[in-house]
PDB file of N, CA and C in Angstrom:
ATOM      1  N   MET A   1      43.135  -2.497  -9.111  1.00  0.00           N
ATOM      2  CA  MET A   1      42.940  -3.634  -8.241  1.00  0.00           C
ATOM      3  C   MET A   1      42.504  -4.815  -9.091  1.00  0.00           C
ATOM      4  N   VAL A   2      43.017  -5.972  -8.788  1.00  0.00           N
ATOM      5  CA  VAL A   2      42.678  -7.197  -9.505  1.00  0.00           C
ATOM      6  C   VAL A   2      41.812  -8.059  -8.600  1.00  0.00           C
ATOM      7  N   THR A   3      40.739  -8.612  -9.163  1.00  0.00           N
ATOM      8  CA  THR A   3      39.881  -9.548  -8.453  1.00  0.00           C
ATOM      9  C   THR A   3      39.527 -10.659  -9.423  1.00  0.00           C
ATOM     10  N   THR A   4      38.817 -11.663  -8.967  1.00  0.00           N
ATOM     11  CA  THR A   4      38.509 -12.822  -9.798  1.00  0.00           C
ATOM     12  C   THR A   4      37.012 -12.923 -10.034  1.00  0.00           C
ATOM     13  N   VAL A   5      36.648 -13.300 -11.246  1.00  0.00           N
ATOM     14  CA  VAL A   5      35.250 -13.557 -11.577  1.00  0.00           C
ATOM     15  C   VAL A   5      34.926 -14.965 -11.092  1.00  0.00           C
ATOM     16  N   ALA A   6      33.785 -15.117 -10.406  1.00  0.00           N
ATOM     17  CA  ALA A   6      33.385 -16.414  -9.856  1.00  0.00           C
ATOM     18  C   ALA A   6      32.002 -16.799 -10.372  1.00  0.00           C
ATOM     19  N   LYS A   7      31.697 -18.077 -10.340  1.00  0.00           N
ATOM     20  CA  LYS A   7      30.380 -18.571 -10.744  1.00  0.00           C
ATOM     21  C   LYS A   7      29.396 -18.349  -9.600  1.00  0.00           C
ATOM     22  N   TRP A   8      28.197 -17.873  -9.943  1.00  0.00           N
ATOM     23  CA  TRP A   8      27.129 -17.682  -8.962  1.00  0.00           C
ATOM     24  C   TRP A   8      25.844 -18.152  -9.621  1.00  0.00           C
ATOM     25  N   GLY A   9      25.419 -19.371  -9.340  1.00  0.00           N
ATOM     26  CA  GLY A   9      24.275 -19.957 -10.033  1.00  0.00           C
ATOM     27  C   GLY A   9      24.619 -20.120 -11.505  1.00  0.00           C
ATOM     28  N   ASN A  10      23.747 -19.608 -12.388  1.00  0.00           N
ATOM     29  CA  ASN A  10      24.002 -19.653 -13.826  1.00  0.00           C
ATOM     30  C   ASN A  10      24.710 -18.402 -14.318  1.00  0.00           C
ATOM     31  N   SER A  11      25.078 -17.527 -13.407  1.00  0.00           N
ATOM     32  CA  SER A  11      25.700 -16.251 -13.773  1.00  0.00           C
ATOM     33  C   SER A  11      27.135 -16.200 -13.274  1.00  0.00           C
ATOM     34  N   LEU A  12      27.774 -15.082 -13.542  1.00  0.00           N
ATOM     35  CA  LEU A  12      29.109 -14.817 -13.015  1.00  0.00           C
ATOM     36  C   LEU A  12      29.022 -13.629 -12.078  1.00  0.00           C
ATOM     37  N   ALA A  13      29.927 -13.564 -11.108  1.00  0.00           N
ATOM     38  CA  ALA A  13      29.900 -12.488 -10.116  1.00  0.00           C
ATOM     39  C   ALA A  13      31.308 -11.967  -9.880  1.00  0.00           C
ATOM     40  N   VAL A  14      31.377 -10.707  -9.504  1.00  0.00           N
ATOM     41  CA  VAL A  14      32.637 -10.075  -9.125  1.00  0.00           C
ATOM     42  C   VAL A  14      32.478  -9.594  -7.689  1.00  0.00           C
ATOM     43  N   ARG A  15      33.380 -10.006  -6.818  1.00  0.00           N
ATOM     44  CA  ARG A  15      33.346  -9.570  -5.421  1.00  0.00           C
ATOM     45  C   ARG A  15      33.994  -8.189  -5.344  1.00  0.00           C
ATOM     46  N   ILE A  16      33.326  -7.245  -4.697  1.00  0.00           N
ATOM     47  CA  ILE A  16      33.841  -5.875  -4.577  1.00  0.00           C
ATOM     48  C   ILE A  16      34.459  -5.722  -3.190  1.00  0.00           C
ATOM     49  N   PRO A  17      35.751  -5.420  -3.117  1.00  0.00           N
ATOM     50  CA  PRO A  17      36.424  -5.293  -1.820  1.00  0.00           C
ATOM     51  C   PRO A  17      35.822  -4.180  -0.958  1.00  0.00           C
ATOM     52  N   GLN A  18      35.889  -4.380   0.361  1.00  0.00           N
ATOM     53  CA  GLN A  18      35.268  -3.471   1.324  1.00  0.00           C
ATOM     54  C   GLN A  18      35.752  -2.035   1.180  1.00  0.00           C
ATOM     55  N   HIS A  19      37.035  -1.816   0.922  1.00  0.00           N
ATOM     56  CA  HIS A  19      37.527  -0.432   0.830  1.00  0.00           C
ATOM     57  C   HIS A  19      36.906   0.298  -0.362  1.00  0.00           C
ATOM     58  N   ILE A  20      36.595  -0.418  -1.432  1.00  0.00           N
ATOM     59  CA  ILE A  20      35.924   0.207  -2.577  1.00  0.00           C
ATOM     60  C   ILE A  20      34.456   0.444  -2.239  1.00  0.00           C
ATOM     61  N   VAL A  21      33.829  -0.521  -1.565  1.00  0.00           N
ATOM     62  CA  VAL A  21      32.430  -0.378  -1.135  1.00  0.00           C
ATOM     63  C   VAL A  21      32.266   0.898  -0.319  1.00  0.00           C
ATOM     64  N   LYS A  22      33.177   1.113   0.634  1.00  0.00           N
ATOM     65  CA  LYS A  22      33.101   2.310   1.480  1.00  0.00           C
ATOM     66  C   LYS A  22      33.342   3.576   0.673  1.00  0.00           C
ATOM     67  N   GLU A  23      34.328   3.529  -0.217  1.00  0.00           N
ATOM     68  CA  GLU A  23      34.695   4.725  -0.980  1.00  0.00           C
ATOM     69  C   GLU A  23      33.550   5.225  -1.854  1.00  0.00           C
ATOM     70  N   ILE A  24      32.800   4.303  -2.461  1.00  0.00           N
ATOM     71  CA  ILE A  24      31.711   4.742  -3.344  1.00  0.00           C
ATOM     72  C   ILE A  24      30.337   4.565  -2.693  1.00  0.00           C
ATOM     73  N   GLN A  25      30.327   4.273  -1.397  1.00  0.00           N
ATOM     74  CA  GLN A  25      29.110   4.193  -0.581  1.00  0.00           C
ATOM     75  C   GLN A  25      28.087   3.203  -1.144  1.00  0.00           C
ATOM     76  N   LEU A  26      28.552   1.989  -1.412  1.00  0.00           N
ATOM     77  CA  LEU A  26      27.661   0.920  -1.852  1.00  0.00           C
ATOM     78  C   LEU A  26      27.102   0.197  -0.638  1.00  0.00           C
ATOM     79  N   ALA A  27      25.966  -0.432  -0.809  1.00  0.00           N
ATOM     80  CA  ALA A  27      25.386  -1.286   0.222  1.00  0.00           C
ATOM     81  C   ALA A  27      24.713  -2.447  -0.489  1.00  0.00           C
ATOM     82  N   GLU A  28      24.505  -3.533   0.222  1.00  0.00           N
ATOM     83  CA  GLU A  28      23.792  -4.658  -0.370  1.00  0.00           C
ATOM     84  C   GLU A  28      22.432  -4.172  -0.846  1.00  0.00           C
ATOM     85  N   GLY A  29      22.074  -4.526  -2.060  1.00  0.00           N
ATOM     86  CA  GLY A  29      20.799  -4.100  -2.627  1.00  0.00           C
ATOM     87  C   GLY A  29      20.893  -2.842  -3.465  1.00  0.00           C
ATOM     88  N   THR A  30      22.043  -2.161  -3.450  1.00  0.00           N
ATOM     89  CA  THR A  30      22.222  -0.966  -4.275  1.00  0.00           C
ATOM     90  C   THR A  30      22.136  -1.361  -5.745  1.00  0.00           C
ATOM     91  N   GLU A  31      21.341  -0.628  -6.513  1.00  0.00           N
ATOM     92  CA  GLU A  31      21.284  -0.878  -7.950  1.00  0.00           C
ATOM     93  C   GLU A  31      22.507  -0.272  -8.612  1.00  0.00           C
ATOM     94  N   VAL A  32      23.067  -0.999  -9.580  1.00  0.00           N
ATOM     95  CA  VAL A  32      24.226  -0.506 -10.313  1.00  0.00           C
ATOM     96  C   VAL A  32      23.952  -0.605 -11.805  1.00  0.00           C
ATOM     97  N   ASP A  33      24.594   0.271 -12.565  1.00  0.00           N
ATOM     98  CA  ASP A  33      24.562   0.208 -14.020  1.00  0.00           C
ATOM     99  C   ASP A  33      25.807  -0.524 -14.479  1.00  0.00           C
ATOM    100  N   LEU A  34      25.645  -1.470 -15.400  1.00  0.00           N
ATOM    101  CA  LEU A  34      26.771  -2.151 -16.022  1.00  0.00           C
ATOM    102  C   LEU A  34      26.837  -1.673 -17.461  1.00  0.00           C
ATOM    103  N   VAL A  35      27.962  -1.121 -17.861  1.00  0.00           N
ATOM    104  CA  VAL A  35      28.134  -0.657 -19.238  1.00  0.00           C
ATOM    105  C   VAL A  35      29.499  -1.096 -19.740  1.00  0.00           C
ATOM    106  N   VAL A  36      29.585  -1.277 -21.036  1.00  0.00           N
ATOM    107  CA  VAL A  36      30.863  -1.585 -21.664  1.00  0.00           C
ATOM    108  C   VAL A  36      31.295  -0.342 -22.426  1.00  0.00           C
ATOM    109  N   ILE A  37      32.464   0.169 -22.079  1.00  0.00           N
ATOM    110  CA  ILE A  37      33.014   1.360 -22.725  1.00  0.00           C
ATOM    111  C   ILE A  37      34.375   0.983 -23.302  1.00  0.00           C
ATOM    112  N   ASP A  38      34.480   1.056 -24.615  1.00  0.00           N
ATOM    113  CA  ASP A  38      35.729   0.702 -25.310  1.00  0.00           C
ATOM    114  C   ASP A  38      36.255  -0.661 -24.873  1.00  0.00           C
ATOM    115  N   GLY A  39      35.356  -1.629 -24.721  1.00  0.00           N
ATOM    116  CA  GLY A  39      35.759  -2.979 -24.356  1.00  0.00           C
ATOM    117  C   GLY A  39      35.991  -3.209 -22.875  1.00  0.00           C
ATOM    118  N   ASP A  40      35.832  -2.182 -22.060  1.00  0.00           N
ATOM    119  CA  ASP A  40      36.008  -2.310 -20.612  1.00  0.00           C
ATOM    120  C   ASP A  40      34.655  -2.342 -19.918  1.00  0.00           C
ATOM    121  N   LEU A  41      34.531  -3.202 -18.916  1.00  0.00           N
ATOM    122  CA  LEU A  41      33.321  -3.250 -18.102  1.00  0.00           C
ATOM    123  C   LEU A  41      33.404  -2.164 -17.042  1.00  0.00           C
ATOM    124  N   VAL A  42      32.371  -1.333 -16.979  1.00  0.00           N
ATOM    125  CA  VAL A  42      32.307  -0.271 -15.976  1.00  0.00           C
ATOM    126  C   VAL A  42      31.062  -0.530 -15.129  1.00  0.00           C
ATOM    127  N   ILE A  43      31.255  -0.585 -13.822  1.00  0.00           N
ATOM    128  CA  ILE A  43      30.156  -0.773 -12.872  1.00  0.00           C
ATOM    129  C   ILE A  43      30.048   0.506 -12.064  1.00  0.00           C
ATOM    130  N   ARG A  44      28.877   1.135 -12.103  1.00  0.00           N
ATOM    131  CA  ARG A  44      28.718   2.367 -11.321  1.00  0.00           C
ATOM    132  C   ARG A  44      27.356   2.367 -10.633  1.00  0.00           C
ATOM    133  N   PRO A  45      27.313   2.906  -9.413  1.00  0.00           N
ATOM    134  CA  PRO A  45      26.039   2.958  -8.689  1.00  0.00           C
ATOM    135  C   PRO A  45      25.020   3.771  -9.471  1.00  0.00           C
ATOM    136  N   LYS A  46      23.796   3.268  -9.511  1.00  0.00           N
ATOM    137  CA  LYS A  46      22.717   4.005 -10.157  1.00  0.00           C
ATOM    138  C   LYS A  46      22.353   5.163  -9.239  1.00  0.00           C
ATOM    139  N   PRO A  47      22.317   6.380  -9.768  1.00  0.00           N
ATOM    140  CA  PRO A  47      21.994   7.524  -8.898  1.00  0.00           C
ATOM    141  C   PRO A  47      20.595   7.376  -8.300  1.00  0.00           C
ATOM    142  N   ARG A  48      20.483   7.737  -7.031  1.00  0.00           N
ATOM    143  CA  ARG A  48      19.170   7.713  -6.380  1.00  0.00           C
ATOM    144  C   ARG A  48      18.330   8.871  -6.884  1.00  0.00           C
ATOM    145  N   LYS A  49      17.029   8.611  -7.020  1.00  0.00           N
ATOM    146  CA  LYS A  49      16.124   9.670  -7.433  1.00  0.00           C
ATOM    147  C   LYS A  49      16.004  10.685  -6.304  1.00  0.00           C
ATOM    148  N   ARG A  50      16.084  11.949  -6.647  1.00  0.00           N
ATOM    149  CA  ARG A  50      15.883  13.018  -5.662  1.00  0.00           C
ATOM    150  C   ARG A  50      14.428  13.461  -5.743  1.00  0.00           C
ATOM    151  N   TYR A  51      13.794  13.535  -4.598  1.00  0.00           N
ATOM    152  CA  TYR A  51      12.390  13.928  -4.540  1.00  0.00           C
ATOM    153  C   TYR A  51      12.271  15.371  -4.075  1.00  0.00           C
ATOM    154  N   ALA A  52      11.307  16.074  -4.629  1.00  0.00           N
ATOM    155  CA  ALA A  52      10.970  17.416  -4.162  1.00  0.00           C
ATOM    156  C   ALA A  52       9.832  17.266  -3.148  1.00  0.00           C
ATOM    157  N   LEU A  53       9.782  18.149  -2.169  1.00  0.00           N
ATOM    158  CA  LEU A  53       8.733  18.096  -1.159  1.00  0.00           C
ATOM    159  C   LEU A  53       7.351  18.116  -1.815  1.00  0.00           C
ATOM    160  N   GLU A  54       7.197  18.925  -2.847  1.00  0.00           N
ATOM    161  CA  GLU A  54       5.906  19.019  -3.536  1.00  0.00           C
ATOM    162  C   GLU A  54       5.488  17.663  -4.109  1.00  0.00           C
ATOM    163  N   GLU A  55       6.454  16.915  -4.653  1.00  0.00           N
ATOM    164  CA  GLU A  55       6.181  15.581  -5.196  1.00  0.00           C
ATOM    165  C   GLU A  55       5.691  14.639  -4.104  1.00  0.00           C
ATOM    166  N   LEU A  56       6.368  14.674  -2.974  1.00  0.00           N
ATOM    167  CA  LEU A  56       6.016  13.786  -1.874  1.00  0.00           C
ATOM    168  C   LEU A  56       4.641  14.114  -1.311  1.00  0.00           C
ATOM    169  N   VAL A  57       4.368  15.389  -1.120  1.00  0.00           N
ATOM    170  CA  VAL A  57       3.070  15.805  -0.580  1.00  0.00           C
ATOM    171  C   VAL A  57       1.956  15.460  -1.563  1.00  0.00           C
ATOM    172  N   ALA A  58       2.208  15.631  -2.860  1.00  0.00           N
ATOM    173  CA  ALA A  58       1.195  15.322  -3.872  1.00  0.00           C
ATOM    174  C   ALA A  58       0.844  13.832  -3.881  1.00  0.00           C
ATOM    175  N   ALA A  59       1.750  12.994  -3.413  1.00  0.00           N
ATOM    176  CA  ALA A  59       1.512  11.548  -3.414  1.00  0.00           C
ATOM    177  C   ALA A  59       0.712  11.078  -2.202  1.00  0.00           C
ATOM    178  N   ILE A  60       0.405  11.970  -1.262  1.00  0.00           N
ATOM    179  CA  ILE A  60      -0.373  11.585  -0.077  1.00  0.00           C
ATOM    180  C   ILE A  60      -1.829  11.383  -0.482  1.00  0.00           C
ATOM    181  N   THR A  61      -2.367  10.240  -0.088  1.00  0.00           N
ATOM    182  CA  THR A  61      -3.770   9.931  -0.359  1.00  0.00           C
ATOM    183  C   THR A  61      -4.421   9.511   0.961  1.00  0.00           C
ATOM    184  N   PRO A  62      -5.737   9.464   1.011  1.00  0.00           N
ATOM    185  CA  PRO A  62      -6.393   8.985   2.238  1.00  0.00           C
ATOM    186  C   PRO A  62      -5.948   7.563   2.615  1.00  0.00           C
ATOM    187  N   GLU A  63      -5.589   6.751   1.621  1.00  0.00           N
ATOM    188  CA  GLU A  63      -5.186   5.373   1.885  1.00  0.00           C
ATOM    189  C   GLU A  63      -3.799   5.271   2.525  1.00  0.00           C
ATOM    190  N   ASN A  64      -2.886   6.209   2.221  1.00  0.00           N
ATOM    191  CA  ASN A  64      -1.533   6.101   2.782  1.00  0.00           C
ATOM    192  C   ASN A  64      -1.236   7.166   3.835  1.00  0.00           C
ATOM    193  N   LEU A  65      -2.239   7.927   4.220  1.00  0.00           N
ATOM    194  CA  LEU A  65      -2.074   8.957   5.242  1.00  0.00           C
ATOM    195  C   LEU A  65      -2.027   8.300   6.619  1.00  0.00           C
ATOM    196  N   HIS A  66      -1.007   8.612   7.384  1.00  0.00           N
ATOM    197  CA  HIS A  66      -0.874   8.045   8.727  1.00  0.00           C
ATOM    198  C   HIS A  66      -1.867   8.709   9.673  1.00  0.00           C
ATOM    199  N   VAL A  67      -2.325   7.935  10.644  1.00  0.00           N
ATOM    200  CA  VAL A  67      -3.226   8.488  11.647  1.00  0.00           C
ATOM    201  C   VAL A  67      -2.421   9.338  12.621  1.00  0.00           C
ATOM    202  N   GLU A  68      -3.111  10.250  13.297  1.00  0.00           N
ATOM    203  CA  GLU A  68      -2.442  11.096  14.284  1.00  0.00           C
ATOM    204  C   GLU A  68      -1.949  10.234  15.441  1.00  0.00           C
ATOM    205  N   VAL A  69      -0.772  10.545  15.932  1.00  0.00           N
ATOM    206  CA  VAL A  69      -0.176   9.786  17.030  1.00  0.00           C
ATOM    207  C   VAL A  69      -0.124  10.671  18.262  1.00  0.00           C
ATOM    208  N   GLU A  70      -0.624  10.162  19.381  1.00  0.00           N
ATOM    209  CA  GLU A  70      -0.583  10.901  20.642  1.00  0.00           C
ATOM    210  C   GLU A  70       0.792  10.705  21.257  1.00  0.00           C
ATOM    211  N   SER A  71       1.460  11.802  21.553  1.00  0.00           N
ATOM    212  CA  SER A  71       2.813  11.700  22.106  1.00  0.00           C
ATOM    213  C   SER A  71       2.877  12.156  23.558  1.00  0.00           C
ATOM    214  N   GLY A  72       1.733  12.333  24.189  1.00  0.00           N
ATOM    215  CA  GLY A  72       1.732  12.703  25.600  1.00  0.00           C
ATOM    216  C   GLY A  72       1.607  14.202  25.796  1.00  0.00           C
ATOM    217  N   VAL A  73       1.732  14.611  27.033  1.00  0.00           N
ATOM    218  CA  VAL A  73       1.596  16.028  27.367  1.00  0.00           C
ATOM    219  C   VAL A  73       2.886  16.771  27.045  1.00  0.00           C
ATOM    220  N   ALA A  74       2.759  18.086  26.857  1.00  0.00           N
ATOM    221  CA  ALA A  74       3.928  18.917  26.568  1.00  0.00           C
ATOM    222  C   ALA A  74       4.871  18.921  27.766  1.00  0.00           C
ATOM    223  N   VAL A  75       6.165  18.915  27.467  1.00  0.00           N
ATOM    224  CA  VAL A  75       7.190  18.962  28.507  1.00  0.00           C
ATOM    225  C   VAL A  75       8.099  20.128  28.174  1.00  0.00           C
ATOM    226  N   GLY A  76       8.374  20.987  29.137  1.00  0.00           N
ATOM    227  CA  GLY A  76       9.252  22.124  28.867  1.00  0.00           C
ATOM    228  C   GLY A  76       8.511  23.231  28.143  1.00  0.00           C
ATOM    229  N   ASN A  77       9.142  23.817  27.114  1.00  0.00           N
ATOM    230  CA  ASN A  77       8.573  24.975  26.416  1.00  0.00           C
ATOM    231  C   ASN A  77       7.842  24.616  25.130  1.00  0.00           C
ATOM    232  N   GLU A  78       7.469  23.349  24.961  1.00  0.00           N
ATOM    233  CA  GLU A  78       6.773  22.959  23.738  1.00  0.00           C
ATOM    234  C   GLU A  78       5.388  23.583  23.710  1.00  0.00           C
ATOM    235  N   ALA A  79       4.941  23.937  22.531  1.00  0.00           N
ATOM    236  CA  ALA A  79       3.600  24.503  22.375  1.00  0.00           C
ATOM    237  C   ALA A  79       2.797  23.596  21.460  1.00  0.00           C
ATOM    238  N   TRP A  80       1.635  23.132  21.929  1.00  0.00           N
ATOM    239  CA  TRP A  80       0.780  22.266  21.116  1.00  0.00           C
ATOM    240  C   TRP A  80      -0.389  23.029  20.646  1.00  0.00           C
TER     241      TRP A  80
END
């Protein structure tokens, strides 16, 4: 696919067509890696960090712990 490089402020920008955005699951704000391989520019989405449950639980502190939320009385077969 051919596209055009355009000026964006003091930088240059490449518009990514919607069908490519969907195919590689990009969204506005997605971080990408820019690399030059054998003289070619390669743009690829930066992989998202995968978290383990243990990591997430270890990060809980009294300062970021949510307060208990009252959701009302049990309905149906729920057990509280």
